[in-house]
PDB file of N, CA and C in Angstrom:
ATOM      1  N   UNK A   1      22.016 -13.154  -8.836  1.00  0.00           N
ATOM      2  CA  UNK A   1      21.111 -13.212  -9.970  1.00  0.00           C
ATOM      3  C   UNK A   1      21.928 -12.931 -11.228  1.00  0.00           C
ATOM      4  N   UNK A   2      21.642 -13.658 -12.296  1.00  0.00           N
ATOM      5  CA  UNK A   2      22.359 -13.468 -13.548  1.00  0.00           C
ATOM      6  C   UNK A   2      22.106 -12.091 -14.130  1.00  0.00           C
ATOM      7  N   UNK A   3      23.090 -11.596 -14.846  1.00  0.00           N
ATOM      8  CA  UNK A   3      22.977 -10.264 -15.445  1.00  0.00           C
ATOM      9  C   UNK A   3      21.819 -10.185 -16.423  1.00  0.00           C
ATOM     10  N   UNK A   4      21.603 -11.253 -17.212  1.00  0.00           N
ATOM     11  CA  UNK A   4      20.505 -11.246 -18.184  1.00  0.00           C
ATOM     12  C   UNK A   4      19.153 -11.107 -17.492  1.00  0.00           C
ATOM     13  N   UNK A   5      18.947 -11.891 -16.428  1.00  0.00           N
ATOM     14  CA  UNK A   5      17.675 -11.820 -15.700  1.00  0.00           C
ATOM     15  C   UNK A   5      17.504 -10.442 -15.063  1.00  0.00           C
ATOM     16  N   UNK A   6      18.578  -9.910 -14.481  1.00  0.00           N
ATOM     17  CA  UNK A   6      18.529  -8.572 -13.893  1.00  0.00           C
ATOM     18  C   UNK A   6      18.153  -7.541 -14.954  1.00  0.00           C
ATOM     19  N   UNK A   7      18.772  -7.627 -16.119  1.00  0.00           N
ATOM     20  CA  UNK A   7      18.485  -6.679 -17.204  1.00  0.00           C
ATOM     21  C   UNK A   7      17.045  -6.790 -17.688  1.00  0.00           C
ATOM     22  N   UNK A   8      16.533  -8.018 -17.803  1.00  0.00           N
ATOM     23  CA  UNK A   8      15.141  -8.214 -18.234  1.00  0.00           C
ATOM     24  C   UNK A   8      14.177  -7.594 -17.224  1.00  0.00           C
ATOM     25  N   UNK A   9      14.438  -7.843 -15.965  1.00  0.00           N
ATOM     26  CA  UNK A   9      13.561  -7.295 -14.927  1.00  0.00           C
ATOM     27  C   UNK A   9      13.656  -5.774 -14.880  1.00  0.00           C
ATOM     28  N   UNK A  10      14.856  -5.259 -15.042  1.00  0.00           N
ATOM     29  CA  UNK A  10      15.017  -3.803 -15.020  1.00  0.00           C
ATOM     30  C   UNK A  10      14.272  -3.159 -16.187  1.00  0.00           C
ATOM     31  N   UNK A  11      14.298  -3.792 -17.352  1.00  0.00           N
ATOM     32  CA  UNK A  11      13.542  -3.267 -18.500  1.00  0.00           C
ATOM     33  C   UNK A  11      12.040  -3.260 -18.200  1.00  0.00           C
ATOM     34  N   UNK A  12      11.544  -4.276 -17.498  1.00  0.00           N
ATOM     35  CA  UNK A  12      10.129  -4.315 -17.113  1.00  0.00           C
ATOM     36  C   UNK A  12       9.804  -3.164 -16.162  1.00  0.00           C
ATOM     37  N   UNK A  13      10.730  -2.854 -15.255  1.00  0.00           N
ATOM     38  CA  UNK A  13      10.542  -1.731 -14.326  1.00  0.00           C
ATOM     39  C   UNK A  13      10.559  -0.412 -15.091  1.00  0.00           C
ATOM     40  N   UNK A  14      11.493  -0.253 -16.018  1.00  0.00           N
ATOM     41  CA  UNK A  14      11.550   0.971 -16.824  1.00  0.00           C
ATOM     42  C   UNK A  14      10.256   1.187 -17.608  1.00  0.00           C
ATOM     43  N   UNK A  15       9.673   0.084 -18.095  1.00  0.00           N
ATOM     44  CA  UNK A  15       8.438   0.161 -18.886  1.00  0.00           C
ATOM     45  C   UNK A  15       7.191   0.227 -18.001  1.00  0.00           C
ATOM     46  N   UNK A  16       7.375   0.051 -16.688  1.00  0.00           N
ATOM     47  CA  UNK A  16       6.257   0.013 -15.737  1.00  0.00           C
ATOM     48  C   UNK A  16       5.208  -1.018 -16.185  1.00  0.00           C
ATOM     49  N   UNK A  17       5.700  -2.182 -16.536  1.00  0.00           N
ATOM     50  CA  UNK A  17       4.874  -3.237 -17.117  1.00  0.00           C
ATOM     51  C   UNK A  17       4.080  -3.975 -16.032  1.00  0.00           C
ATOM     52  N   UNK A  18       2.751  -3.805 -15.992  1.00  0.00           N
ATOM     53  CA  UNK A  18       1.942  -4.441 -14.948  1.00  0.00           C
ATOM     54  C   UNK A  18       1.864  -5.961 -15.074  1.00  0.00           C
ATOM     55  N   UNK A  19       2.277  -6.516 -16.207  1.00  0.00           N
ATOM     56  CA  UNK A  19       2.265  -7.980 -16.353  1.00  0.00           C
ATOM     57  C   UNK A  19       3.218  -8.647 -15.371  1.00  0.00           C
ATOM     58  N   UNK A  20       4.188  -7.905 -14.853  1.00  0.00           N
ATOM     59  CA  UNK A  20       5.170  -8.478 -13.945  1.00  0.00           C
ATOM     60  C   UNK A  20       4.820  -8.252 -12.470  1.00  0.00           C
ATOM     61  N   UNK A  21       3.720  -7.543 -12.206  1.00  0.00           N
ATOM     62  CA  UNK A  21       3.290  -7.352 -10.815  1.00  0.00           C
ATOM     63  C   UNK A  21       3.004  -8.715 -10.191  1.00  0.00           C
ATOM     64  N   UNK A  22       3.619  -8.978  -9.052  1.00  0.00           N
ATOM     65  CA  UNK A  22       3.453 -10.254  -8.374  1.00  0.00           C
ATOM     66  C   UNK A  22       4.453 -11.308  -8.820  1.00  0.00           C
ATOM     67  N   UNK A  23       5.119 -11.088  -9.953  1.00  0.00           N
ATOM     68  CA  UNK A  23       6.135 -12.028 -10.435  1.00  0.00           C
ATOM     69  C   UNK A  23       7.447 -11.767  -9.705  1.00  0.00           C
ATOM     70  N   UNK A  24       7.764 -10.491  -9.522  1.00  0.00           N
ATOM     71  CA  UNK A  24       8.934 -10.089  -8.746  1.00  0.00           C
ATOM     72  C   UNK A  24       8.686  -8.704  -8.161  1.00  0.00           C
ATOM     73  N   UNK A  25       9.522  -8.335  -7.203  1.00  0.00           N
ATOM     74  CA  UNK A  25       9.428  -7.034  -6.539  1.00  0.00           C
ATOM     75  C   UNK A  25      10.780  -6.349  -6.646  1.00  0.00           C
ATOM     76  N   UNK A  26      10.747  -5.038  -6.803  1.00  0.00           N
ATOM     77  CA  UNK A  26      11.952  -4.238  -6.971  1.00  0.00           C
ATOM     78  C   UNK A  26      12.264  -3.534  -5.658  1.00  0.00           C
ATOM     79  N   UNK A  27      13.462  -3.726  -5.141  1.00  0.00           N
ATOM     80  CA  UNK A  27      13.888  -3.043  -3.922  1.00  0.00           C
ATOM     81  C   UNK A  27      15.011  -2.073  -4.277  1.00  0.00           C
ATOM     82  N   UNK A  28      14.957  -0.900  -3.671  1.00  0.00           N
ATOM     83  CA  UNK A  28      15.950   0.140  -3.959  1.00  0.00           C
ATOM     84  C   UNK A  28      16.816   0.341  -2.714  1.00  0.00           C
ATOM     85  N   UNK A  29      18.084   0.023  -2.836  1.00  0.00           N
ATOM     86  CA  UNK A  29      19.007   0.092  -1.696  1.00  0.00           C
ATOM     87  C   UNK A  29      19.102   1.491  -1.092  1.00  0.00           C
ATOM     88  N   UNK A  30      19.104   2.518  -1.932  1.00  0.00           N
ATOM     89  CA  UNK A  30      19.325   3.882  -1.442  1.00  0.00           C
ATOM     90  C   UNK A  30      18.136   4.441  -0.672  1.00  0.00           C
ATOM     91  N   UNK A  31      16.929   3.943  -0.932  1.00  0.00           N
ATOM     92  CA  UNK A  31      15.743   4.451  -0.240  1.00  0.00           C
ATOM     93  C   UNK A  31      15.213   3.480   0.807  1.00  0.00           C
ATOM     94  N   UNK A  32      15.560   2.197   0.682  1.00  0.00           N
ATOM     95  CA  UNK A  32      15.052   1.194   1.608  1.00  0.00           C
ATOM     96  C   UNK A  32      13.607   0.820   1.332  1.00  0.00           C
ATOM     97  N   UNK A  33      13.146   1.046   0.105  1.00  0.00           N
ATOM     98  CA  UNK A  33      11.748   0.814  -0.269  1.00  0.00           C
ATOM     99  C   UNK A  33      11.675  -0.266  -1.342  1.00  0.00           C
ATOM    100  N   UNK A  34      10.607  -1.087  -1.285  1.00  0.00           N
ATOM    101  CA  UNK A  34      10.377  -2.031  -2.383  1.00  0.00           C
ATOM    102  C   UNK A  34       9.045  -1.722  -3.049  1.00  0.00           C
ATOM    103  N   UNK A  35       8.981  -2.007  -4.360  1.00  0.00           N
ATOM    104  CA  UNK A  35       7.835  -1.637  -5.198  1.00  0.00           C
ATOM    105  C   UNK A  35       7.423  -2.776  -6.117  1.00  0.00           C
ATOM    106  N   UNK A  36       6.265  -2.579  -6.738  1.00  0.00           N
ATOM    107  CA  UNK A  36       5.838  -3.424  -7.857  1.00  0.00           C
ATOM    108  C   UNK A  36       6.581  -2.933  -9.096  1.00  0.00           C
ATOM    109  N   UNK A  37       6.736  -3.780 -10.106  1.00  0.00           N
ATOM    110  CA  UNK A  37       7.371  -3.318 -11.351  1.00  0.00           C
ATOM    111  C   UNK A  37       6.617  -2.167 -12.018  1.00  0.00           C
ATOM    112  N   UNK A  38       5.310  -2.075 -11.806  1.00  0.00           N
ATOM    113  CA  UNK A  38       4.505  -1.036 -12.459  1.00  0.00           C
ATOM    114  C   UNK A  38       4.409   0.261 -11.661  1.00  0.00           C
ATOM    115  N   UNK A  39       5.171   0.399 -10.592  1.00  0.00           N
ATOM    116  CA  UNK A  39       5.083   1.584  -9.733  1.00  0.00           C
ATOM    117  C   UNK A  39       5.308   2.872 -10.532  1.00  0.00           C
ATOM    118  N   UNK A  40       4.464   3.895 -10.295  1.00  0.00           N
ATOM    119  CA  UNK A  40       4.618   5.158 -11.018  1.00  0.00           C
ATOM    120  C   UNK A  40       5.766   6.038 -10.519  1.00  0.00           C
ATOM    121  N   UNK A  41       6.416   5.642  -9.435  1.00  0.00           N
ATOM    122  CA  UNK A  41       7.538   6.437  -8.916  1.00  0.00           C
ATOM    123  C   UNK A  41       8.684   6.454  -9.930  1.00  0.00           C
ATOM    124  N   UNK A  42       9.576   7.416  -9.763  1.00  0.00           N
ATOM    125  CA  UNK A  42      10.723   7.544 -10.665  1.00  0.00           C
ATOM    126  C   UNK A  42      11.525   6.239 -10.701  1.00  0.00           C
ATOM    127  N   UNK A  43      11.953   5.842 -11.868  1.00  0.00           N
ATOM    128  CA  UNK A  43      12.723   4.607 -12.035  1.00  0.00           C
ATOM    129  C   UNK A  43      14.085   4.752 -11.357  1.00  0.00           C
ATOM    130  N   UNK A  44      14.421   3.808 -10.467  1.00  0.00           N
ATOM    131  CA  UNK A  44      15.718   3.896  -9.784  1.00  0.00           C
ATOM    132  C   UNK A  44      16.867   3.540 -10.724  1.00  0.00           C
ATOM    133  N   UNK A  45      18.054   3.939 -10.337  1.00  0.00           N
ATOM    134  CA  UNK A  45      19.246   3.589 -11.117  1.00  0.00           C
ATOM    135  C   UNK A  45      19.484   2.088 -10.973  1.00  0.00           C
ATOM    136  N   UNK A  46      19.912   1.470 -12.050  1.00  0.00           N
ATOM    137  CA  UNK A  46      20.070   0.011 -12.066  1.00  0.00           C
ATOM    138  C   UNK A  46      21.037  -0.495 -10.995  1.00  0.00           C
ATOM    139  N   UNK A  47      22.061   0.277 -10.679  1.00  0.00           N
ATOM    140  CA  UNK A  47      23.030  -0.180  -9.673  1.00  0.00           C
ATOM    141  C   UNK A  47      22.469  -0.142  -8.249  1.00  0.00           C
ATOM    142  N   UNK A  48      21.333   0.520  -8.053  1.00  0.00           N
ATOM    143  CA  UNK A  48      20.715   0.603  -6.727  1.00  0.00           C
ATOM    144  C   UNK A  48      19.582  -0.398  -6.533  1.00  0.00           C
ATOM    145  N   UNK A  49      19.326  -1.243  -7.537  1.00  0.00           N
ATOM    146  CA  UNK A  49      18.160  -2.119  -7.536  1.00  0.00           C
ATOM    147  C   UNK A  49      18.522  -3.557  -7.183  1.00  0.00           C
ATOM    148  N   UNK A  50      17.663  -4.169  -6.376  1.00  0.00           N
ATOM    149  CA  UNK A  50      17.714  -5.606  -6.112  1.00  0.00           C
ATOM    150  C   UNK A  50      16.322  -6.137  -6.416  1.00  0.00           C
ATOM    151  N   UNK A  51      16.231  -7.403  -6.818  1.00  0.00           N
ATOM    152  CA  UNK A  51      14.935  -7.996  -7.114  1.00  0.00           C
ATOM    153  C   UNK A  51      14.663  -9.140  -6.149  1.00  0.00           C
ATOM    154  N   UNK A  52      13.392  -9.266  -5.752  1.00  0.00           N
ATOM    155  CA  UNK A  52      12.961 -10.327  -4.851  1.00  0.00           C
ATOM    156  C   UNK A  52      11.757 -11.037  -5.444  1.00  0.00           C
ATOM    157  N   UNK A  53      11.628 -12.315  -5.127  1.00  0.00           N
ATOM    158  CA  UNK A  53      10.529 -13.122  -5.655  1.00  0.00           C
ATOM    159  C   UNK A  53       9.205 -12.820  -4.963  1.00  0.00           C
ATOM    160  N   UNK A  54       9.259 -12.278  -3.750  1.00  0.00           N
ATOM    161  CA  UNK A  54       8.020 -11.999  -3.015  1.00  0.00           C
ATOM    162  C   UNK A  54       8.165 -10.729  -2.185  1.00  0.00           C
ATOM    163  N   UNK A  55       7.022 -10.167  -1.823  1.00  0.00           N
ATOM    164  CA  UNK A  55       7.018  -8.987  -0.951  1.00  0.00           C
ATOM    165  C   UNK A  55       7.590  -9.356   0.414  1.00  0.00           C
ATOM    166  N   UNK A  56       7.276 -10.560   0.884  1.00  0.00           N
ATOM    167  CA  UNK A  56       7.780 -11.007   2.184  1.00  0.00           C
ATOM    168  C   UNK A  56       9.305 -11.085   2.183  1.00  0.00           C
ATOM    169  N   UNK A  57       9.883 -11.549   1.085  1.00  0.00           N
ATOM    170  CA  UNK A  57      11.348 -11.632   0.999  1.00  0.00           C
ATOM    171  C   UNK A  57      11.974 -10.242   1.044  1.00  0.00           C
ATOM    172  N   UNK A  58      11.351  -9.282   0.374  1.00  0.00           N
ATOM    173  CA  UNK A  58      11.862  -7.904   0.404  1.00  0.00           C
ATOM    174  C   UNK A  58      11.760  -7.324   1.813  1.00  0.00           C
ATOM    175  N   UNK A  59      10.647  -7.595   2.496  1.00  0.00           N
ATOM    176  CA  UNK A  59      10.488  -7.108   3.873  1.00  0.00           C
ATOM    177  C   UNK A  59      11.503  -7.766   4.800  1.00  0.00           C
ATOM    178  N   UNK A  60      11.712  -9.070   4.629  1.00  0.00           N
ATOM    179  CA  UNK A  60      12.693  -9.778   5.455  1.00  0.00           C
ATOM    180  C   UNK A  60      14.106  -9.226   5.259  1.00  0.00           C
ATOM    181  N   UNK A  61      14.366  -8.685   4.072  1.00  0.00           N
ATOM    182  CA  UNK A  61      15.681  -8.098   3.785  1.00  0.00           C
ATOM    183  C   UNK A  61      15.797  -6.672   4.329  1.00  0.00           C
ATOM    184  N   UNK A  62      14.724  -6.170   4.964  1.00  0.00           N
ATOM    185  CA  UNK A  62      14.782  -4.860   5.606  1.00  0.00           C
ATOM    186  C   UNK A  62      14.177  -3.714   4.824  1.00  0.00           C
ATOM    187  N   UNK A  63      13.491  -4.000   3.727  1.00  0.00           N
ATOM    188  CA  UNK A  63      12.859  -2.947   2.929  1.00  0.00           C
ATOM    189  C   UNK A  63      11.422  -2.741   3.391  1.00  0.00           C
ATOM    190  N   UNK A  64      10.917  -1.509   3.237  1.00  0.00           N
ATOM    191  CA  UNK A  64       9.518  -1.229   3.561  1.00  0.00           C
ATOM    192  C   UNK A  64       8.735  -1.038   2.270  1.00  0.00           C
ATOM    193  N   UNK A  65       7.424  -1.252   2.348  1.00  0.00           N
ATOM    194  CA  UNK A  65       6.560  -1.155   1.172  1.00  0.00           C
ATOM    195  C   UNK A  65       6.406   0.293   0.712  1.00  0.00           C
ATOM    196  N   UNK A  66       6.382   0.483  -0.590  1.00  0.00           N
ATOM    197  CA  UNK A  66       6.155   1.794  -1.206  1.00  0.00           C
ATOM    198  C   UNK A  66       4.735   2.253  -0.891  1.00  0.00           C
ATOM    199  N   UNK A  67       4.581   3.523  -0.612  1.00  0.00           N
ATOM    200  CA  UNK A  67       3.250   4.052  -0.304  1.00  0.00           C
ATOM    201  C   UNK A  67       2.471   4.420  -1.557  1.00  0.00           C
ATOM    202  N   UNK A  68       3.125   4.415  -2.707  1.00  0.00           N
ATOM    203  CA  UNK A  68       2.427   4.744  -3.962  1.00  0.00           C
ATOM    204  C   UNK A  68       1.822   3.503  -4.604  1.00  0.00           C
ATOM    205  N   UNK A  69       2.619   2.445  -4.757  1.00  0.00           N
ATOM    206  CA  UNK A  69       2.114   1.266  -5.472  1.00  0.00           C
ATOM    207  C   UNK A  69       1.593   0.173  -4.539  1.00  0.00           C
ATOM    208  N   UNK A  70       1.805   0.319  -3.235  1.00  0.00           N
ATOM    209  CA  UNK A  70       1.277  -0.600  -2.230  1.00  0.00           C
ATOM    210  C   UNK A  70       1.550  -2.072  -2.562  1.00  0.00           C
ATOM    211  N   UNK A  71       2.817  -2.479  -2.676  1.00  0.00           N
ATOM    212  CA  UNK A  71       3.130  -3.857  -3.056  1.00  0.00           C
ATOM    213  C   UNK A  71       2.766  -4.893  -1.999  1.00  0.00           C
ATOM    214  N   UNK A  72       2.431  -4.440  -0.800  1.00  0.00           N
ATOM    215  CA  UNK A  72       2.066  -5.358   0.273  1.00  0.00           C
ATOM    216  C   UNK A  72       0.569  -5.653   0.301  1.00  0.00           C
ATOM    217  N   UNK A  73      -0.184  -5.152  -0.671  1.00  0.00           N
ATOM    218  CA  UNK A  73      -1.627  -5.375  -0.717  1.00  0.00           C
ATOM    219  C   UNK A  73      -1.990  -6.343  -1.836  1.00  0.00           C
ATOM    220  N   UNK A  74      -3.218  -6.846  -1.761  1.00  0.00           N
ATOM    221  CA  UNK A  74      -3.720  -7.800  -2.742  1.00  0.00           C
ATOM    222  C   UNK A  74      -4.513  -7.079  -3.817  1.00  0.00           C
ATOM    223  N   UNK A  75      -4.282  -7.399  -5.090  1.00  0.00           N
ATOM    224  CA  UNK A  75      -5.083  -6.769  -6.152  1.00  0.00           C
ATOM    225  C   UNK A  75      -6.576  -6.988  -5.926  1.00  0.00           C
ATOM    226  N   UNK A  76      -7.340  -5.929  -6.111  1.00  0.00           N
ATOM    227  CA  UNK A  76      -8.784  -6.002  -5.930  1.00  0.00           C
ATOM    228  C   UNK A  76      -9.255  -5.639  -4.530  1.00  0.00           C
ATOM    229  N   UNK A  77      -8.339  -5.587  -3.557  1.00  0.00           N
ATOM    230  CA  UNK A  77      -8.732  -5.228  -2.195  1.00  0.00           C
ATOM    231  C   UNK A  77      -8.881  -3.713  -2.096  1.00  0.00           C
ATOM    232  N   UNK A  78      -9.641  -3.220  -1.103  1.00  0.00           N
ATOM    233  CA  UNK A  78      -9.773  -1.765  -0.948  1.00  0.00           C
ATOM    234  C   UNK A  78      -8.426  -1.067  -0.759  1.00  0.00           C
ATOM    235  N   UNK A  79      -7.487  -1.729  -0.110  1.00  0.00           N
ATOM    236  CA  UNK A  79      -6.169  -1.132   0.099  1.00  0.00           C
ATOM    237  C   UNK A  79      -5.420  -0.972  -1.215  1.00  0.00           C
ATOM    238  N   UNK A  80      -5.698  -1.841  -2.180  1.00  0.00           N
ATOM    239  CA  UNK A  80      -5.027  -1.806  -3.485  1.00  0.00           C
ATOM    240  C   UNK A  80      -5.366  -0.518  -4.216  1.00  0.00           C
ATOM    241  N   UNK A  81      -6.643  -0.149  -4.200  1.00  0.00           N
ATOM    242  CA  UNK A  81      -7.081   1.063  -4.890  1.00  0.00           C
ATOM    243  C   UNK A  81      -7.762   1.975  -3.874  1.00  0.00           C
ATOM    244  N   UNK A  82      -6.970   2.691  -3.113  1.00  0.00           N
ATOM    245  CA  UNK A  82      -7.475   3.545  -2.042  1.00  0.00           C
ATOM    246  C   UNK A  82      -8.445   4.583  -2.585  1.00  0.00           C
ATOM    247  N   UNK A  83      -8.114   5.183  -3.719  1.00  0.00           N
ATOM    248  CA  UNK A  83      -8.967   6.229  -4.281  1.00  0.00           C
ATOM    249  C   UNK A  83     -10.361   5.696  -4.578  1.00  0.00           C
ATOM    250  N   UNK A  84     -10.460   4.533  -5.218  1.00  0.00           N
ATOM    251  CA  UNK A  84     -11.771   3.966  -5.549  1.00  0.00           C
ATOM    252  C   UNK A  84     -12.558   3.663  -4.282  1.00  0.00           C
ATOM    253  N   UNK A  85     -11.878   3.187  -3.248  1.00  0.00           N
ATOM    254  CA  UNK A  85     -12.544   2.892  -1.987  1.00  0.00           C
ATOM    255  C   UNK A  85     -13.080   4.171  -1.346  1.00  0.00           C
ATOM    256  N   UNK A  86     -12.264   5.215  -1.298  1.00  0.00           N
ATOM    257  CA  UNK A  86     -12.679   6.484  -0.685  1.00  0.00           C
ATOM    258  C   UNK A  86     -13.814   7.119  -1.481  1.00  0.00           C
ATOM    259  N   UNK A  87     -13.716   7.107  -2.809  1.00  0.00           N
ATOM    260  CA  UNK A  87     -14.770   7.693  -3.643  1.00  0.00           C
ATOM    261  C   UNK A  87     -16.077   6.932  -3.445  1.00  0.00           C
ATOM    262  N   UNK A  88     -16.020   5.619  -3.382  1.00  0.00           N
ATOM    263  CA  UNK A  88     -17.226   4.825  -3.139  1.00  0.00           C
ATOM    264  C   UNK A  88     -17.858   5.146  -1.797  1.00  0.00           C
ATOM    265  N   UNK A  89     -17.035   5.247  -0.755  1.00  0.00           N
ATOM    266  CA  UNK A  89     -17.550   5.606   0.573  1.00  0.00           C
ATOM    267  C   UNK A  89     -18.131   7.012   0.555  1.00  0.00           C
ATOM    268  N   UNK A  90     -17.457   7.939  -0.139  1.00  0.00           N
ATOM    269  CA  UNK A  90     -17.947   9.321  -0.223  1.00  0.00           C
ATOM    270  C   UNK A  90     -19.309   9.368  -0.906  1.00  0.00           C
ATOM    271  N   UNK A  91     -19.469   8.633  -1.983  1.00  0.00           N
ATOM    272  CA  UNK A  91     -20.750   8.629  -2.703  1.00  0.00           C
ATOM    273  C   UNK A  91     -21.878   8.099  -1.817  1.00  0.00           C
ATOM    274  N   UNK A  92     -21.591   7.054  -1.040  1.00  0.00           N
ATOM    275  CA  UNK A  92     -22.615   6.525  -0.118  1.00  0.00           C
ATOM    276  C   UNK A  92     -22.980   7.568   0.941  1.00  0.00           C
ATOM    277  N   UNK A  93     -21.968   8.249   1.493  1.00  0.00           N
ATOM    278  CA  UNK A  93     -22.237   9.271   2.508  1.00  0.00           C
ATOM    279  C   UNK A  93     -23.000  10.456   1.920  1.00  0.00           C
ATOM    280  N   UNK A  94     -22.659  10.848   0.696  1.00  0.00           N
ATOM    281  CA  UNK A  94     -23.377  11.949   0.037  1.00  0.00           C
ATOM    282  C   UNK A  94     -24.828  11.547  -0.189  1.00  0.00           C
ATOM    283  N   UNK A  95     -25.034  10.320  -0.664  1.00  0.00           N
ATOM    284  CA  UNK A  95     -26.395   9.816  -0.879  1.00  0.00           C
ATOM    285  C   UNK A  95     -27.189   9.794   0.439  1.00  0.00           C
ATOM    286  N   UNK A  96     -26.498   9.517   1.546  1.00  0.00           N
ATOM    287  CA  UNK A  96     -27.158   9.471   2.857  1.00  0.00           C
ATOM    288  C   UNK A  96     -27.366  10.853   3.469  1.00  0.00           C
ATOM    289  N   UNK A  97     -26.940  11.912   2.781  1.00  0.00           N
ATOM    290  CA  UNK A  97     -27.225  13.268   3.219  1.00  0.00           C
ATOM    291  C   UNK A  97     -26.186  13.942   4.091  1.00  0.00           C
ATOM    292  N   UNK A  98     -24.979  13.409   4.151  1.00  0.00           N
ATOM    293  CA  UNK A  98     -23.943  14.008   5.001  1.00  0.00           C
ATOM    294  C   UNK A  98     -23.617  15.429   4.550  1.00  0.00           C
ATOM    295  N   UNK A  99     -23.566  15.669   3.243  1.00  0.00           N
ATOM    296  CA  UNK A  99     -23.240  17.008   2.728  1.00  0.00           C
ATOM    297  C   UNK A  99     -24.276  18.026   3.192  1.00  0.00           C
ATOM    298  N   UNK A 100     -25.558  17.669   3.111  1.00  0.00           N
ATOM    299  CA  UNK A 100     -26.611  18.608   3.527  1.00  0.00           C
ATOM    300  C   UNK A 100     -26.537  18.907   5.022  1.00  0.00           C
ATOM    301  N   UNK A 101     -26.212  17.886   5.820  1.00  0.00           N
ATOM    302  CA  UNK A 101     -26.184  18.069   7.279  1.00  0.00           C
ATOM    303  C   UNK A 101     -24.880  18.698   7.774  1.00  0.00           C
ATOM    304  N   UNK A 102     -23.735  18.268   7.208  1.00  0.00           N
ATOM    305  CA  UNK A 102     -22.447  18.662   7.779  1.00  0.00           C
ATOM    306  C   UNK A 102     -21.511  19.359   6.796  1.00  0.00           C
ATOM    307  N   UNK A 103     -21.888  19.425   5.540  1.00  0.00           N
ATOM    308  CA  UNK A 103     -21.046  20.079   4.541  1.00  0.00           C
ATOM    309  C   UNK A 103     -19.859  19.220   4.131  1.00  0.00           C
ATOM    310  N   UNK A 104     -19.019  19.798   3.307  1.00  0.00           N
ATOM    311  CA  UNK A 104     -17.850  19.080   2.788  1.00  0.00           C
ATOM    312  C   UNK A 104     -16.871  18.752   3.914  1.00  0.00           C
ATOM    313  N   UNK A 105     -16.731  19.666   4.876  1.00  0.00           N
ATOM    314  CA  UNK A 105     -15.825  19.395   5.998  1.00  0.00           C
ATOM    315  C   UNK A 105     -16.286  18.182   6.800  1.00  0.00           C
ATOM    316  N   UNK A 106     -17.587  18.040   6.976  1.00  0.00           N
ATOM    317  CA  UNK A 106     -18.132  16.877   7.675  1.00  0.00           C
ATOM    318  C   UNK A 106     -17.897  15.590   6.903  1.00  0.00           C
ATOM    319  N   UNK A 107     -18.070  15.665   5.589  1.00  0.00           N
ATOM    320  CA  UNK A 107     -17.802  14.499   4.740  1.00  0.00           C
ATOM    321  C   UNK A 107     -16.338  14.088   4.869  1.00  0.00           C
ATOM    322  N   UNK A 108     -15.453  15.068   4.786  1.00  0.00           N
ATOM    323  CA  UNK A 108     -14.019  14.790   4.896  1.00  0.00           C
ATOM    324  C   UNK A 108     -13.684  14.168   6.247  1.00  0.00           C
ATOM    325  N   UNK A 109     -14.310  14.670   7.298  1.00  0.00           N
ATOM    326  CA  UNK A 109     -14.067  14.120   8.635  1.00  0.00           C
ATOM    327  C   UNK A 109     -14.507  12.662   8.707  1.00  0.00           C
ATOM    328  N   UNK A 110     -15.672  12.350   8.136  1.00  0.00           N
ATOM    329  CA  UNK A 110     -16.153  10.963   8.098  1.00  0.00           C
ATOM    330  C   UNK A 110     -15.175  10.049   7.361  1.00  0.00           C
ATOM    331  N   UNK A 111     -14.561  10.570   6.310  1.00  0.00           N
ATOM    332  CA  UNK A 111     -13.656   9.771   5.488  1.00  0.00           C
ATOM    333  C   UNK A 111     -12.240   9.707   6.048  1.00  0.00           C
ATOM    334  N   UNK A 112     -11.905  10.639   6.944  1.00  0.00           N
ATOM    335  CA  UNK A 112     -10.571  10.649   7.532  1.00  0.00           C
ATOM    336  C   UNK A 112      -9.525  11.355   6.691  1.00  0.00           C
ATOM    337  N   UNK A 113      -9.972  12.274   5.835  1.00  0.00           N
ATOM    338  CA  UNK A 113      -9.074  13.044   4.981  1.00  0.00           C
ATOM    339  C   UNK A 113      -9.407  14.519   5.123  1.00  0.00           C
ATOM    340  N   UNK A 114      -8.525  15.382   4.619  1.00  0.00           N
ATOM    341  CA  UNK A 114      -8.828  16.813   4.606  1.00  0.00           C
ATOM    342  C   UNK A 114      -9.866  17.079   3.520  1.00  0.00           C
ATOM    343  N   UNK A 115     -10.602  18.180   3.651  1.00  0.00           N
ATOM    344  CA  UNK A 115     -11.611  18.508   2.641  1.00  0.00           C
ATOM    345  C   UNK A 115     -10.946  18.763   1.289  1.00  0.00           C
ATOM    346  N   UNK A 116      -9.760  19.321   1.301  1.00  0.00           N
ATOM    347  CA  UNK A 116      -9.027  19.557   0.047  1.00  0.00           C
ATOM    348  C   UNK A 116      -8.700  18.235  -0.646  1.00  0.00           C
ATOM    349  N   UNK A 117      -8.237  17.258   0.133  1.00  0.00           N
ATOM    350  CA  UNK A 117      -7.877  15.964  -0.444  1.00  0.00           C
ATOM    351  C   UNK A 117      -9.114  15.236  -0.977  1.00  0.00           C
ATOM    352  N   UNK A 118     -10.208  15.305  -0.241  1.00  0.00           N
ATOM    353  CA  UNK A 118     -11.459  14.685  -0.702  1.00  0.00           C
ATOM    354  C   UNK A 118     -11.900  15.327  -2.008  1.00  0.00           C
ATOM    355  N   UNK A 119     -11.824  16.647  -2.088  1.00  0.00           N
ATOM    356  CA  UNK A 119     -12.187  17.340  -3.319  1.00  0.00           C
ATOM    357  C   UNK A 119     -11.351  16.893  -4.501  1.00  0.00           C
ATOM    358  N   UNK A 120     -10.055  16.710  -4.278  1.00  0.00           N
ATOM    359  CA  UNK A 120      -9.175  16.245  -5.365  1.00  0.00           C
ATOM    360  C   UNK A 120      -9.541  14.830  -5.805  1.00  0.00           C
ATOM    361  N   UNK A 121      -9.833  13.958  -4.836  1.00  0.00           N
ATOM    362  CA  UNK A 121     -10.174  12.580  -5.192  1.00  0.00           C
ATOM    363  C   UNK A 121     -11.483  12.508  -5.965  1.00  0.00           C
ATOM    364  N   UNK A 122     -12.419  13.375  -5.628  1.00  0.00           N
ATOM    365  CA  UNK A 122     -13.724  13.335  -6.287  1.00  0.00           C
ATOM    366  C   UNK A 122     -13.714  13.998  -7.658  1.00  0.00           C
ATOM    367  N   UNK A 123     -12.758  14.869  -7.928  1.00  0.00           N
ATOM    368  CA  UNK A 123     -12.752  15.566  -9.216  1.00  0.00           C
ATOM    369  C   UNK A 123     -11.740  15.005 -10.207  1.00  0.00           C
ATOM    370  N   UNK A 124     -10.758  14.254  -9.754  1.00  0.00           N
ATOM    371  CA  UNK A 124      -9.750  13.692 -10.683  1.00  0.00           C
ATOM    372  C   UNK A 124     -10.316  12.546 -11.479  1.00  0.00           C
TER     373      UNK A 124
END
């Protein structure tokens, strides 16, 4: 890849620019992880970065998907925004009376998270 293109893409990663999500993917040699350009994780050093045109290409090169930005998911899917999905499910369960019957621990069990984690998702 040309130095100019690499530099442009790296600047997009530094800026966490969501306009480039899906245009290219950033893979970090030292961690073995690939991300979206808008990933909130710490910006990798430029010498450790490779860019790929697709998530599949990054996976084929041996990188795994980042657990923070979920580059292997589709925008708008429940997997894309886990917090919104969990909060929506929690609200439905609360409306259905799970809290009254089983308490917060029961709600957390239904959702598959710890009660502490559910509390954080509902209050943030």
